[in-house]
Amino acid sequence: MTDKVVDHRVIRRKIPVSEKIRIVEASYEPGAMVSEVARRYNVGHSSLVLWRRLMQQGALVGVKSGDEVVTKAEFKQLQKEKRQLERLLGRKTLECEVLREAVKIGREKKLISHAPLPGIDDLD
């Protein structure tokens, strides 16, 4: 009895979005059946159904319009960074206002000279 080794490795292809759009559009042609289109382009039936649903939901529209598409994880990370920067800007703005007020009070109490400091002429 000889043992046969069967290799079931599946090679995954990275199909460009433009190609996915072309395949989905072909599946919407009059008389076209999803399973036949999937076989013709050598893609899985479930993949084609998923792409059709994504296209209906508008997920592939950004690619058609030439916009850059980012993943949801990247989007969330960018939102988090934006919030952090906004907080930092708010703190720095508050610090600046507090310092301006301190200079104003110091000048009123004659603790700070009224002569402008070199490079600082917009404190008034």
PDB file of N, CA and C in Angstrom:
ATOM      1  N   MET A   1       0.843  -1.175   0.000  1.00  0.00           N
ATOM      2  CA  MET A   1       0.000   0.000   0.000  1.00  0.00           C
ATOM      3  C   MET A   1       0.888   1.237   0.000  1.00  0.00           C
ATOM      4  N   THR A   2       0.674   2.115  -0.936  1.00  0.00           N
ATOM      5  CA  THR A   2       1.477   3.336  -1.006  1.00  0.00           C
ATOM      6  C   THR A   2       0.655   4.500  -0.482  1.00  0.00           C
ATOM      7  N   ASP A   3       1.329   5.331   0.271  1.00  0.00           N
ATOM      8  CA  ASP A   3       0.669   6.528   0.802  1.00  0.00           C
ATOM      9  C   ASP A   3       0.835   7.671  -0.179  1.00  0.00           C
ATOM     10  N   LYS A   4      -0.255   8.308  -0.460  1.00  0.00           N
ATOM     11  CA  LYS A   4      -0.210   9.465  -1.344  1.00  0.00           C
ATOM     12  C   LYS A   4      -0.399  10.710  -0.499  1.00  0.00           C
ATOM     13  N   VAL A   5       0.441  11.669  -0.749  1.00  0.00           N
ATOM     14  CA  VAL A   5       0.323  12.935  -0.040  1.00  0.00           C
ATOM     15  C   VAL A   5      -0.401  13.905  -0.960  1.00  0.00           C
ATOM     16  N   VAL A   6      -1.483  14.427  -0.462  1.00  0.00           N
ATOM     17  CA  VAL A   6      -2.260  15.380  -1.246  1.00  0.00           C
ATOM     18  C   VAL A   6      -1.996  16.771  -0.687  1.00  0.00           C
ATOM     19  N   ASP A   7      -1.584  17.642  -1.550  1.00  0.00           N
ATOM     20  CA  ASP A   7      -1.282  19.019  -1.139  1.00  0.00           C
ATOM     21  C   ASP A   7      -2.513  19.876  -1.392  1.00  0.00           C
ATOM     22  N   HIS A   8      -3.088  20.395  -0.303  1.00  0.00           N
ATOM     23  CA  HIS A   8      -4.308  21.196  -0.415  1.00  0.00           C
ATOM     24  C   HIS A   8      -4.035  22.679  -0.218  1.00  0.00           C
ATOM     25  N   ARG A   9      -2.834  23.102  -0.488  1.00  0.00           N
ATOM     26  CA  ARG A   9      -2.539  24.521  -0.316  1.00  0.00           C
ATOM     27  C   ARG A   9      -3.304  25.346  -1.345  1.00  0.00           C
ATOM     28  N   VAL A  10      -3.841  26.420  -0.864  1.00  0.00           N
ATOM     29  CA  VAL A  10      -4.584  27.325  -1.736  1.00  0.00           C
ATOM     30  C   VAL A  10      -3.738  28.584  -1.912  1.00  0.00           C
ATOM     31  N   ILE A  11      -3.548  28.947  -3.129  1.00  0.00           N
ATOM     32  CA  ILE A  11      -2.799  30.169  -3.415  1.00  0.00           C
ATOM     33  C   ILE A  11      -3.807  31.305  -3.517  1.00  0.00           C
ATOM     34  N   ARG A  12      -3.641  32.276  -2.639  1.00  0.00           N
ATOM     35  CA  ARG A  12      -4.572  33.406  -2.629  1.00  0.00           C
ATOM     36  C   ARG A  12      -4.033  34.494  -3.553  1.00  0.00           C
ATOM     37  N   ARG A  13      -4.917  34.987  -4.388  1.00  0.00           N
ATOM     38  CA  ARG A  13      -4.546  36.083  -5.276  1.00  0.00           C
ATOM     39  C   ARG A  13      -5.004  37.395  -4.675  1.00  0.00           C
ATOM     40  N   LYS A  14      -4.227  38.405  -4.900  1.00  0.00           N
ATOM     41  CA  LYS A  14      -4.624  39.763  -4.506  1.00  0.00           C
ATOM     42  C   LYS A  14      -5.189  40.414  -5.769  1.00  0.00           C
ATOM     43  N   ILE A  15      -6.500  40.533  -5.799  1.00  0.00           N
ATOM     44  CA  ILE A  15      -7.160  41.087  -6.978  1.00  0.00           C
ATOM     45  C   ILE A  15      -7.326  42.586  -6.773  1.00  0.00           C
ATOM     46  N   PRO A  16      -6.813  43.392  -7.702  1.00  0.00           N
ATOM     47  CA  PRO A  16      -6.941  44.850  -7.574  1.00  0.00           C
ATOM     48  C   PRO A  16      -8.408  45.274  -7.575  1.00  0.00           C
ATOM     49  N   VAL A  17      -8.689  46.365  -6.904  1.00  0.00           N
ATOM     50  CA  VAL A  17     -10.065  46.843  -6.786  1.00  0.00           C
ATOM     51  C   VAL A  17     -10.642  47.156  -8.159  1.00  0.00           C
ATOM     52  N   SER A  18      -9.837  47.698  -9.054  1.00  0.00           N
ATOM     53  CA  SER A  18     -10.342  48.013 -10.392  1.00  0.00           C
ATOM     54  C   SER A  18     -10.822  46.744 -11.105  1.00  0.00           C
ATOM     55  N   GLU A  19     -10.108  45.629 -10.894  1.00  0.00           N
ATOM     56  CA  GLU A  19     -10.517  44.357 -11.484  1.00  0.00           C
ATOM     57  C   GLU A  19     -11.810  43.851 -10.839  1.00  0.00           C
ATOM     58  N   LYS A  20     -11.930  44.028  -9.512  1.00  0.00           N
ATOM     59  CA  LYS A  20     -13.152  43.619  -8.815  1.00  0.00           C
ATOM     60  C   LYS A  20     -14.351  44.383  -9.366  1.00  0.00           C
ATOM     61  N   ILE A  21     -14.167  45.673  -9.594  1.00  0.00           N
ATOM     62  CA  ILE A  21     -15.261  46.496 -10.131  1.00  0.00           C
ATOM     63  C   ILE A  21     -15.664  45.990 -11.506  1.00  0.00           C
ATOM     64  N   ARG A  22     -14.674  45.652 -12.333  1.00  0.00           N
ATOM     65  CA  ARG A  22     -14.949  45.155 -13.682  1.00  0.00           C
ATOM     66  C   ARG A  22     -15.723  43.835 -13.625  1.00  0.00           C
ATOM     67  N   ILE A  23     -15.324  42.952 -12.698  1.00  0.00           N
ATOM     68  CA  ILE A  23     -16.001  41.660 -12.556  1.00  0.00           C
ATOM     69  C   ILE A  23     -17.427  41.861 -12.059  1.00  0.00           C
ATOM     70  N   VAL A  24     -17.615  42.746 -11.073  1.00  0.00           N
ATOM     71  CA  VAL A  24     -18.963  43.010 -10.554  1.00  0.00           C
ATOM     72  C   VAL A  24     -19.845  43.589 -11.645  1.00  0.00           C
ATOM     73  N   GLU A  25     -19.319  44.518 -12.421  1.00  0.00           N
ATOM     74  CA  GLU A  25     -20.105  45.107 -13.513  1.00  0.00           C
ATOM     75  C   GLU A  25     -20.488  44.052 -14.539  1.00  0.00           C
ATOM     76  N   ALA A  26     -19.574  43.088 -14.784  1.00  0.00           N
ATOM     77  CA  ALA A  26     -19.884  42.006 -15.724  1.00  0.00           C
ATOM     78  C   ALA A  26     -21.014  41.133 -15.181  1.00  0.00           C
ATOM     79  N   SER A  27     -21.093  41.009 -13.858  1.00  0.00           N
ATOM     80  CA  SER A  27     -22.158  40.175 -13.269  1.00  0.00           C
ATOM     81  C   SER A  27     -23.521  40.854 -13.351  1.00  0.00           C
ATOM     82  N   TYR A  28     -23.545  42.157 -13.611  1.00  0.00           N
ATOM     83  CA  TYR A  28     -24.814  42.882 -13.734  1.00  0.00           C
ATOM     84  C   TYR A  28     -25.283  43.009 -15.179  1.00  0.00           C
ATOM     85  N   GLU A  29     -24.494  42.498 -16.122  1.00  0.00           N
ATOM     86  CA  GLU A  29     -24.897  42.583 -17.528  1.00  0.00           C
ATOM     87  C   GLU A  29     -26.166  41.742 -17.738  1.00  0.00           C
ATOM     88  N   PRO A  30     -27.011  42.136 -18.699  1.00  0.00           N
ATOM     89  CA  PRO A  30     -28.254  41.394 -18.948  1.00  0.00           C
ATOM     90  C   PRO A  30     -27.962  39.932 -19.284  1.00  0.00           C
ATOM     91  N   GLY A  31     -28.651  39.033 -18.615  1.00  0.00           N
ATOM     92  CA  GLY A  31     -28.503  37.604 -18.874  1.00  0.00           C
ATOM     93  C   GLY A  31     -27.337  36.952 -18.158  1.00  0.00           C
ATOM     94  N   ALA A  32     -26.527  37.723 -17.454  1.00  0.00           N
ATOM     95  CA  ALA A  32     -25.367  37.157 -16.770  1.00  0.00           C
ATOM     96  C   ALA A  32     -25.787  36.522 -15.451  1.00  0.00           C
ATOM     97  N   MET A  33     -25.201  35.383 -15.161  1.00  0.00           N
ATOM     98  CA  MET A  33     -25.447  34.717 -13.887  1.00  0.00           C
ATOM     99  C   MET A  33     -24.178  34.829 -13.047  1.00  0.00           C
ATOM    100  N   VAL A  34     -24.371  35.061 -11.767  1.00  0.00           N
ATOM    101  CA  VAL A  34     -23.240  35.291 -10.864  1.00  0.00           C
ATOM    102  C   VAL A  34     -22.270  34.119 -10.896  1.00  0.00           C
ATOM    103  N   SER A  35     -22.782  32.907 -10.851  1.00  0.00           N
ATOM    104  CA  SER A  35     -21.907  31.731 -10.835  1.00  0.00           C
ATOM    105  C   SER A  35     -21.100  31.609 -12.130  1.00  0.00           C
ATOM    106  N   GLU A  36     -21.716  31.925 -13.274  1.00  0.00           N
ATOM    107  CA  GLU A  36     -20.994  31.861 -14.548  1.00  0.00           C
ATOM    108  C   GLU A  36     -19.900  32.920 -14.622  1.00  0.00           C
ATOM    109  N   VAL A  37     -20.203  34.126 -14.155  1.00  0.00           N
ATOM    110  CA  VAL A  37     -19.214  35.209 -14.159  1.00  0.00           C
ATOM    111  C   VAL A  37     -18.061  34.852 -13.229  1.00  0.00           C
ATOM    112  N   ALA A  38     -18.374  34.281 -12.078  1.00  0.00           N
ATOM    113  CA  ALA A  38     -17.332  33.874 -11.137  1.00  0.00           C
ATOM    114  C   ALA A  38     -16.415  32.836 -11.773  1.00  0.00           C
ATOM    115  N   ARG A  39     -16.988  31.844 -12.463  1.00  0.00           N
ATOM    116  CA  ARG A  39     -16.185  30.825 -13.143  1.00  0.00           C
ATOM    117  C   ARG A  39     -15.343  31.430 -14.258  1.00  0.00           C
ATOM    118  N   ARG A  40     -15.956  32.342 -15.044  1.00  0.00           N
ATOM    119  CA  ARG A  40     -15.249  32.954 -16.173  1.00  0.00           C
ATOM    120  C   ARG A  40     -14.013  33.713 -15.710  1.00  0.00           C
ATOM    121  N   TYR A  41     -14.115  34.413 -14.577  1.00  0.00           N
ATOM    122  CA  TYR A  41     -12.989  35.213 -14.076  1.00  0.00           C
ATOM    123  C   TYR A  41     -12.163  34.474 -13.024  1.00  0.00           C
ATOM    124  N   ASN A  42     -12.496  33.200 -12.783  1.00  0.00           N
ATOM    125  CA  ASN A  42     -11.764  32.354 -11.848  1.00  0.00           C
ATOM    126  C   ASN A  42     -11.717  32.955 -10.437  1.00  0.00           C
ATOM    127  N   VAL A  43     -12.873  33.379  -9.964  1.00  0.00           N
ATOM    128  CA  VAL A  43     -12.997  33.878  -8.594  1.00  0.00           C
ATOM    129  C   VAL A  43     -14.083  33.066  -7.894  1.00  0.00           C
ATOM    130  N   GLY A  44     -14.073  33.081  -6.591  1.00  0.00           N
ATOM    131  CA  GLY A  44     -15.069  32.346  -5.838  1.00  0.00           C
ATOM    132  C   GLY A  44     -16.436  33.006  -5.918  1.00  0.00           C
ATOM    133  N   HIS A  45     -17.462  32.167  -5.931  1.00  0.00           N
ATOM    134  CA  HIS A  45     -18.833  32.663  -5.995  1.00  0.00           C
ATOM    135  C   HIS A  45     -19.120  33.579  -4.802  1.00  0.00           C
ATOM    136  N   SER A  46     -18.710  33.138  -3.613  1.00  0.00           N
ATOM    137  CA  SER A  46     -18.980  33.935  -2.409  1.00  0.00           C
ATOM    138  C   SER A  46     -18.223  35.266  -2.445  1.00  0.00           C
ATOM    139  N   SER A  47     -17.034  35.262  -3.033  1.00  0.00           N
ATOM    140  CA  SER A  47     -16.277  36.523  -3.157  1.00  0.00           C
ATOM    141  C   SER A  47     -17.021  37.502  -4.053  1.00  0.00           C
ATOM    142  N   LEU A  48     -17.523  37.000  -5.161  1.00  0.00           N
ATOM    143  CA  LEU A  48     -18.250  37.867  -6.088  1.00  0.00           C
ATOM    144  C   LEU A  48     -19.526  38.408  -5.451  1.00  0.00           C
ATOM    145  N   VAL A  49     -20.222  37.570  -4.706  1.00  0.00           N
ATOM    146  CA  VAL A  49     -21.433  38.033  -4.008  1.00  0.00           C
ATOM    147  C   VAL A  49     -21.072  39.119  -3.001  1.00  0.00           C
ATOM    148  N   LEU A  50     -19.968  38.927  -2.269  1.00  0.00           N
ATOM    149  CA  LEU A  50     -19.503  39.931  -1.307  1.00  0.00           C
ATOM    150  C   LEU A  50     -19.163  41.241  -2.014  1.00  0.00           C
ATOM    151  N   TRP A  51     -18.440  41.169  -3.121  1.00  0.00           N
ATOM    152  CA  TRP A  51     -18.062  42.378  -3.860  1.00  0.00           C
ATOM    153  C   TRP A  51     -19.302  43.115  -4.372  1.00  0.00           C
ATOM    154  N   ARG A  52     -20.295  42.359  -4.834  1.00  0.00           N
ATOM    155  CA  ARG A  52     -21.532  42.993  -5.309  1.00  0.00           C
ATOM    156  C   ARG A  52     -22.214  43.757  -4.171  1.00  0.00           C
ATOM    157  N   ARG A  53     -22.265  43.112  -2.992  1.00  0.00           N
ATOM    158  CA  ARG A  53     -22.901  43.765  -1.836  1.00  0.00           C
ATOM    159  C   ARG A  53     -22.118  45.019  -1.430  1.00  0.00           C
ATOM    160  N   LEU A  54     -20.779  44.916  -1.417  1.00  0.00           N
ATOM    161  CA  LEU A  54     -19.962  46.079  -1.066  1.00  0.00           C
ATOM    162  C   LEU A  54     -20.163  47.220  -2.059  1.00  0.00           C
ATOM    163  N   MET A  55     -20.275  46.859  -3.327  1.00  0.00           N
ATOM    164  CA  MET A  55     -20.471  47.893  -4.341  1.00  0.00           C
ATOM    165  C   MET A  55     -21.834  48.555  -4.171  1.00  0.00           C
ATOM    166  N   GLN A  56     -22.853  47.774  -3.832  1.00  0.00           N
ATOM    167  CA  GLN A  56     -24.186  48.341  -3.598  1.00  0.00           C
ATOM    168  C   GLN A  56     -24.174  49.271  -2.388  1.00  0.00           C
ATOM    169  N   GLN A  57     -23.349  48.939  -1.384  1.00  0.00           N
ATOM    170  CA  GLN A  57     -23.255  49.763  -0.183  1.00  0.00           C
ATOM    171  C   GLN A  57     -22.348  50.970  -0.397  1.00  0.00           C
ATOM    172  N   GLY A  58     -21.670  51.016  -1.531  1.00  0.00           N
ATOM    173  CA  GLY A  58     -20.836  52.170  -1.837  1.00  0.00           C
ATOM    174  C   GLY A  58     -19.391  52.034  -1.395  1.00  0.00           C
ATOM    175  N   ALA A  59     -18.984  50.852  -0.953  1.00  0.00           N
ATOM    176  CA  ALA A  59     -17.623  50.671  -0.463  1.00  0.00           C
ATOM    177  C   ALA A  59     -16.592  50.797  -1.579  1.00  0.00           C
ATOM    178  N   LEU A  60     -16.968  50.505  -2.803  1.00  0.00           N
ATOM    179  CA  LEU A  60     -16.007  50.568  -3.909  1.00  0.00           C
ATOM    180  C   LEU A  60     -16.100  51.881  -4.677  1.00  0.00           C
ATOM    181  N   VAL A  61     -17.000  52.762  -4.282  1.00  0.00           N
ATOM    182  CA  VAL A  61     -17.205  54.020  -4.995  1.00  0.00           C
ATOM    183  C   VAL A  61     -15.988  54.924  -4.862  1.00  0.00           C
ATOM    184  N   GLY A  62     -15.356  54.935  -3.693  1.00  0.00           N
ATOM    185  CA  GLY A  62     -14.180  55.780  -3.482  1.00  0.00           C
ATOM    186  C   GLY A  62     -13.080  55.467  -4.473  1.00  0.00           C
ATOM    187  N   VAL A  63     -12.957  54.203  -4.839  1.00  0.00           N
ATOM    188  CA  VAL A  63     -11.937  53.807  -5.797  1.00  0.00           C
ATOM    189  C   VAL A  63     -12.277  54.350  -7.177  1.00  0.00           C
ATOM    190  N   LYS A  64     -13.546  54.278  -7.539  1.00  0.00           N
ATOM    191  CA  LYS A  64     -13.968  54.789  -8.845  1.00  0.00           C
ATOM    192  C   LYS A  64     -13.713  56.286  -8.968  1.00  0.00           C
ATOM    193  N   SER A  65     -13.925  57.020  -7.877  1.00  0.00           N
ATOM    194  CA  SER A  65     -13.776  58.468  -7.940  1.00  0.00           C
ATOM    195  C   SER A  65     -12.320  58.901  -7.818  1.00  0.00           C
ATOM    196  N   GLY A  66     -11.427  57.945  -7.585  1.00  0.00           N
ATOM    197  CA  GLY A  66     -10.006  58.277  -7.499  1.00  0.00           C
ATOM    198  C   GLY A  66      -9.561  58.696  -6.109  1.00  0.00           C
ATOM    199  N   ASP A  67     -10.467  58.623  -5.125  1.00  0.00           N
ATOM    200  CA  ASP A  67     -10.110  58.976  -3.757  1.00  0.00           C
ATOM    201  C   ASP A  67      -9.281  57.856  -3.143  1.00  0.00           C
ATOM    202  N   GLU A  68      -8.451  58.248  -2.167  1.00  0.00           N
ATOM    203  CA  GLU A  68      -7.664  57.256  -1.452  1.00  0.00           C
ATOM    204  C   GLU A  68      -8.568  56.565  -0.439  1.00  0.00           C
ATOM    205  N   VAL A  69      -8.515  55.252  -0.391  1.00  0.00           N
ATOM    206  CA  VAL A  69      -9.338  54.484   0.518  1.00  0.00           C
ATOM    207  C   VAL A  69      -8.458  53.958   1.643  1.00  0.00           C
ATOM    208  N   VAL A  70      -8.895  54.147   2.888  1.00  0.00           N
ATOM    209  CA  VAL A  70      -8.140  53.652   4.034  1.00  0.00           C
ATOM    210  C   VAL A  70      -8.985  52.634   4.790  1.00  0.00           C
ATOM    211  N   THR A  71      -8.323  51.790   5.530  1.00  0.00           N
ATOM    212  CA  THR A  71      -9.048  50.783   6.293  1.00  0.00           C
ATOM    213  C   THR A  71      -9.728  51.428   7.492  1.00  0.00           C
ATOM    214  N   LYS A  72     -10.675  50.703   8.060  1.00  0.00           N
ATOM    215  CA  LYS A  72     -11.401  51.201   9.223  1.00  0.00           C
ATOM    216  C   LYS A  72     -10.448  51.396  10.401  1.00  0.00           C
ATOM    217  N   ALA A  73      -9.487  50.494  10.553  1.00  0.00           N
ATOM    218  CA  ALA A  73      -8.511  50.601  11.645  1.00  0.00           C
ATOM    219  C   ALA A  73      -7.662  51.861  11.490  1.00  0.00           C
ATOM    220  N   GLU A  74      -7.222  52.131  10.243  1.00  0.00           N
ATOM    221  CA  GLU A  74      -6.437  53.346   9.998  1.00  0.00           C
ATOM    222  C   GLU A  74      -7.275  54.590  10.286  1.00  0.00           C
ATOM    223  N   PHE A  75      -8.534  54.550   9.880  1.00  0.00           N
ATOM    224  CA  PHE A  75      -9.433  55.683  10.101  1.00  0.00           C
ATOM    225  C   PHE A  75      -9.592  55.961  11.591  1.00  0.00           C
ATOM    226  N   LYS A  76      -9.806  54.897  12.380  1.00  0.00           N
ATOM    227  CA  LYS A  76      -9.955  55.064  13.824  1.00  0.00           C
ATOM    228  C   LYS A  76      -8.678  55.604  14.449  1.00  0.00           C
ATOM    229  N   GLN A  77      -7.519  55.107  13.989  1.00  0.00           N
ATOM    230  CA  GLN A  77      -6.238  55.589  14.509  1.00  0.00           C
ATOM    231  C   GLN A  77      -6.052  57.074  14.188  1.00  0.00           C
ATOM    232  N   LEU A  78      -6.406  57.474  12.985  1.00  0.00           N
ATOM    233  CA  LEU A  78      -6.290  58.883  12.601  1.00  0.00           C
ATOM    234  C   LEU A  78      -7.240  59.761  13.417  1.00  0.00           C
ATOM    235  N   GLN A  79      -8.443  59.256  13.688  1.00  0.00           N
ATOM    236  CA  GLN A  79      -9.383  60.010  14.528  1.00  0.00           C
ATOM    237  C   GLN A  79      -8.823  60.185  15.939  1.00  0.00           C
ATOM    238  N   LYS A  80      -8.206  59.129  16.465  1.00  0.00           N
ATOM    239  CA  LYS A  80      -7.622  59.190  17.804  1.00  0.00           C
ATOM    240  C   LYS A  80      -6.492  60.226  17.848  1.00  0.00           C
ATOM    241  N   GLU A  81      -5.629  60.191  16.835  1.00  0.00           N
ATOM    242  CA  GLU A  81      -4.530  61.170  16.763  1.00  0.00           C
ATOM    243  C   GLU A  81      -5.074  62.589  16.654  1.00  0.00           C
ATOM    244  N   LYS A  82      -6.140  62.773  15.882  1.00  0.00           N
ATOM    245  CA  LYS A  82      -6.749  64.094  15.720  1.00  0.00           C
ATOM    246  C   LYS A  82      -7.263  64.619  17.056  1.00  0.00           C
ATOM    247  N   ARG A  83      -7.955  63.753  17.810  1.00  0.00           N
ATOM    248  CA  ARG A  83      -8.458  64.167  19.129  1.00  0.00           C
ATOM    249  C   ARG A  83      -7.316  64.552  20.064  1.00  0.00           C
ATOM    250  N   GLN A  84      -6.225  63.784  20.036  1.00  0.00           N
ATOM    251  CA  GLN A  84      -5.072  64.093  20.883  1.00  0.00           C
ATOM    252  C   GLN A  84      -4.472  65.439  20.504  1.00  0.00           C
ATOM    253  N   LEU A  85      -4.356  65.701  19.216  1.00  0.00           N
ATOM    254  CA  LEU A  85      -3.806  66.981  18.763  1.00  0.00           C
ATOM    255  C   LEU A  85      -4.715  68.144  19.121  1.00  0.00           C
ATOM    256  N   GLU A  86      -6.030  67.924  19.029  1.00  0.00           N
ATOM    257  CA  GLU A  86      -6.968  68.983  19.403  1.00  0.00           C
ATOM    258  C   GLU A  86      -6.860  69.302  20.893  1.00  0.00           C
ATOM    259  N   ARG A  87      -6.721  68.262  21.720  1.00  0.00           N
ATOM    260  CA  ARG A  87      -6.546  68.489  23.162  1.00  0.00           C
ATOM    261  C   ARG A  87      -5.257  69.253  23.444  1.00  0.00           C
ATOM    262  N   LEU A  88      -4.188  68.849  22.781  1.00  0.00           N
ATOM    263  CA  LEU A  88      -2.896  69.513  22.964  1.00  0.00           C
ATOM    264  C   LEU A  88      -2.979  70.977  22.530  1.00  0.00           C
ATOM    265  N   LEU A  89      -3.633  71.240  21.405  1.00  0.00           N
ATOM    266  CA  LEU A  89      -3.810  72.612  20.941  1.00  0.00           C
ATOM    267  C   LEU A  89      -4.611  73.423  21.954  1.00  0.00           C
ATOM    268  N   GLY A  90      -5.652  72.824  22.510  1.00  0.00           N
ATOM    269  CA  GLY A  90      -6.457  73.510  23.523  1.00  0.00           C
ATOM    270  C   GLY A  90      -5.626  73.859  24.749  1.00  0.00           C
ATOM    271  N   ARG A  91      -4.787  72.908  25.200  1.00  0.00           N
ATOM    272  CA  ARG A  91      -3.933  73.184  26.372  1.00  0.00           C
ATOM    273  C   ARG A  91      -2.937  74.293  26.084  1.00  0.00           C
ATOM    274  N   LYS A  92      -2.337  74.249  24.916  1.00  0.00           N
ATOM    275  CA  LYS A  92      -1.338  75.266  24.559  1.00  0.00           C
ATOM    276  C   LYS A  92      -2.001  76.635  24.412  1.00  0.00           C
ATOM    277  N   THR A  93      -3.201  76.685  23.859  1.00  0.00           N
ATOM    278  CA  THR A  93      -3.928  77.942  23.727  1.00  0.00           C
ATOM    279  C   THR A  93      -4.254  78.513  25.106  1.00  0.00           C
ATOM    280  N   LEU A  94      -4.685  77.649  26.016  1.00  0.00           N
ATOM    281  CA  LEU A  94      -4.987  78.075  27.384  1.00  0.00           C
ATOM    282  C   LEU A  94      -3.726  78.593  28.083  1.00  0.00           C
ATOM    283  N   GLU A  95      -2.612  77.880  27.912  1.00  0.00           N
ATOM    284  CA  GLU A  95      -1.338  78.340  28.498  1.00  0.00           C
ATOM    285  C   GLU A  95      -0.980  79.726  27.987  1.00  0.00           C
ATOM    286  N   CYS A  96      -1.138  79.928  26.690  1.00  0.00           N
ATOM    287  CA  CYS A  96      -0.809  81.215  26.077  1.00  0.00           C
ATOM    288  C   CYS A  96      -1.688  82.324  26.660  1.00  0.00           C
ATOM    289  N   GLU A  97      -2.992  82.050  26.800  1.00  0.00           N
ATOM    290  CA  GLU A  97      -3.906  83.048  27.360  1.00  0.00           C
ATOM    291  C   GLU A  97      -3.557  83.362  28.814  1.00  0.00           C
ATOM    292  N   VAL A  98      -3.215  82.335  29.593  1.00  0.00           N
ATOM    293  CA  VAL A  98      -2.841  82.541  30.993  1.00  0.00           C
ATOM    294  C   VAL A  98      -1.578  83.390  31.074  1.00  0.00           C
ATOM    295  N   LEU A  99      -0.594  83.097  30.219  1.00  0.00           N
ATOM    296  CA  LEU A  99       0.647  83.879  30.227  1.00  0.00           C
ATOM    297  C   LEU A  99       0.405  85.328  29.810  1.00  0.00           C
ATOM    298  N   ARG A 100      -0.448  85.525  28.806  1.00  0.00           N
ATOM    299  CA  ARG A 100      -0.772  86.903  28.394  1.00  0.00           C
ATOM    300  C   ARG A 100      -1.415  87.673  29.556  1.00  0.00           C
ATOM    301  N   GLU A 101      -2.343  87.009  30.247  1.00  0.00           N
ATOM    302  CA  GLU A 101      -3.014  87.638  31.380  1.00  0.00           C
ATOM    303  C   GLU A 101      -2.008  87.933  32.502  1.00  0.00           C
ATOM    304  N   ALA A 102      -1.077  87.023  32.726  1.00  0.00           N
ATOM    305  CA  ALA A 102      -0.058  87.228  33.761  1.00  0.00           C
ATOM    306  C   ALA A 102       0.829  88.428  33.412  1.00  0.00           C
ATOM    307  N   VAL A 103       1.194  88.570  32.151  1.00  0.00           N
ATOM    308  CA  VAL A 103       2.006  89.711  31.719  1.00  0.00           C
ATOM    309  C   VAL A 103       1.219  90.997  31.899  1.00  0.00           C
ATOM    310  N   LYS A 104      -0.051  90.956  31.539  1.00  0.00           N
ATOM    311  CA  LYS A 104      -0.905  92.141  31.678  1.00  0.00           C
ATOM    312  C   LYS A 104      -0.999  92.563  33.150  1.00  0.00           C
ATOM    313  N   ILE A 105      -1.254  91.607  34.040  1.00  0.00           N
ATOM    314  CA  ILE A 105      -1.348  91.911  35.470  1.00  0.00           C
ATOM    315  C   ILE A 105       0.001  92.395  35.998  1.00  0.00           C
ATOM    316  N   GLY A 106       1.073  91.762  35.587  1.00  0.00           N
ATOM    317  CA  GLY A 106       2.412  92.173  36.014  1.00  0.00           C
ATOM    318  C   GLY A 106       2.735  93.591  35.584  1.00  0.00           C
ATOM    319  N   ARG A 107       2.323  93.961  34.380  1.00  0.00           N
ATOM    320  CA  ARG A 107       2.567  95.330  33.909  1.00  0.00           C
ATOM    321  C   ARG A 107       1.725  96.337  34.688  1.00  0.00           C
ATOM    322  N   GLU A 108       0.464  95.951  34.983  1.00  0.00           N
ATOM    323  CA  GLU A 108      -0.403  96.855  35.742  1.00  0.00           C
ATOM    324  C   GLU A 108       0.150  97.102  37.143  1.00  0.00           C
ATOM    325  N   LYS A 109       0.743  96.108  37.743  1.00  0.00           N
ATOM    326  CA  LYS A 109       1.295  96.244  39.088  1.00  0.00           C
ATOM    327  C   LYS A 109       2.754  96.704  39.051  1.00  0.00           C
ATOM    328  N   LYS A 110       3.202  97.034  37.854  1.00  0.00           N
ATOM    329  CA  LYS A 110       4.563  97.538  37.629  1.00  0.00           C
ATOM    330  C   LYS A 110       5.629  96.528  38.059  1.00  0.00           C
ATOM    331  N   LEU A 111       5.289  95.242  37.930  1.00  0.00           N
ATOM    332  CA  LEU A 111       6.270  94.197  38.202  1.00  0.00           C
ATOM    333  C   LEU A 111       7.064  93.858  36.941  1.00  0.00           C
ATOM    334  N   ILE A 112       6.487  94.227  35.807  1.00  0.00           N
ATOM    335  CA  ILE A 112       7.135  93.980  34.522  1.00  0.00           C
ATOM    336  C   ILE A 112       7.228  95.302  33.784  1.00  0.00           C
ATOM    337  N   SER A 113       8.357  95.528  33.160  1.00  0.00           N
ATOM    338  CA  SER A 113       8.586  96.774  32.424  1.00  0.00           C
ATOM    339  C   SER A 113       7.625  96.876  31.247  1.00  0.00           C
ATOM    340  N   HIS A 114       7.196  98.096  30.920  1.00  0.00           N
ATOM    341  CA  HIS A 114       6.334  98.318  29.755  1.00  0.00           C
ATOM    342  C   HIS A 114       7.132  98.323  28.466  1.00  0.00           C
ATOM    343  N   ALA A 115       8.449  98.422  28.578  1.00  0.00           N
ATOM    344  CA  ALA A 115       9.277  98.391  27.368  1.00  0.00           C
ATOM    345  C   ALA A 115       9.154  97.003  26.750  1.00  0.00           C
ATOM    346  N   PRO A 116       8.895  96.951  25.450  1.00  0.00           N
ATOM    347  CA  PRO A 116       8.720  95.642  24.818  1.00  0.00           C
ATOM    348  C   PRO A 116      10.006  94.824  24.876  1.00  0.00           C
ATOM    349  N   LEU A 117       9.816  93.545  25.080  1.00  0.00           N
ATOM    350  CA  LEU A 117      10.954  92.635  25.064  1.00  0.00           C
ATOM    351  C   LEU A 117      11.356  92.373  23.624  1.00  0.00           C
ATOM    352  N   PRO A 118      12.608  92.094  23.376  1.00  0.00           N
ATOM    353  CA  PRO A 118      13.050  91.836  22.007  1.00  0.00           C
ATOM    354  C   PRO A 118      12.256  90.674  21.388  1.00  0.00           C
ATOM    355  N   GLY A 119      11.588  90.955  20.277  1.00  0.00           N
ATOM    356  CA  GLY A 119      10.850  89.934  19.556  1.00  0.00           C
ATOM    357  C   GLY A 119       9.425  89.716  20.054  1.00  0.00           C
ATOM    358  N   ILE A 120       9.006  90.383  21.081  1.00  0.00           N
ATOM    359  CA  ILE A 120       7.641  90.196  21.590  1.00  0.00           C
ATOM    360  C   ILE A 120       6.934  91.540  21.564  1.00  0.00           C
ATOM    361  N   ASP A 121       6.218  91.818  20.478  1.00  0.00           N
ATOM    362  CA  ASP A 121       5.510  93.094  20.391  1.00  0.00           C
ATOM    363  C   ASP A 121       3.996  92.907  20.293  1.00  0.00           C
ATOM    364  N   ASP A 122       3.502  91.679  20.315  1.00  0.00           N
ATOM    365  CA  ASP A 122       2.064  91.495  20.159  1.00  0.00           C
ATOM    366  C   ASP A 122       1.387  91.074  21.458  1.00  0.00           C
ATOM    367  N   LEU A 123       1.997  91.305  22.592  1.00  0.00           N
ATOM    368  CA  LEU A 123       1.380  90.936  23.872  1.00  0.00           C
ATOM    369  C   LEU A 123       0.283  91.884  24.285  1.00  0.00           C
ATOM    370  N   ASP A 124       0.247  93.086  23.801  1.00  0.00           N
ATOM    371  CA  ASP A 124      -0.773  94.067  24.224  1.00  0.00           C
ATOM    372  C   ASP A 124      -2.096  93.789  23.596  1.00  0.00           C
TER     373      ASP A 124
END
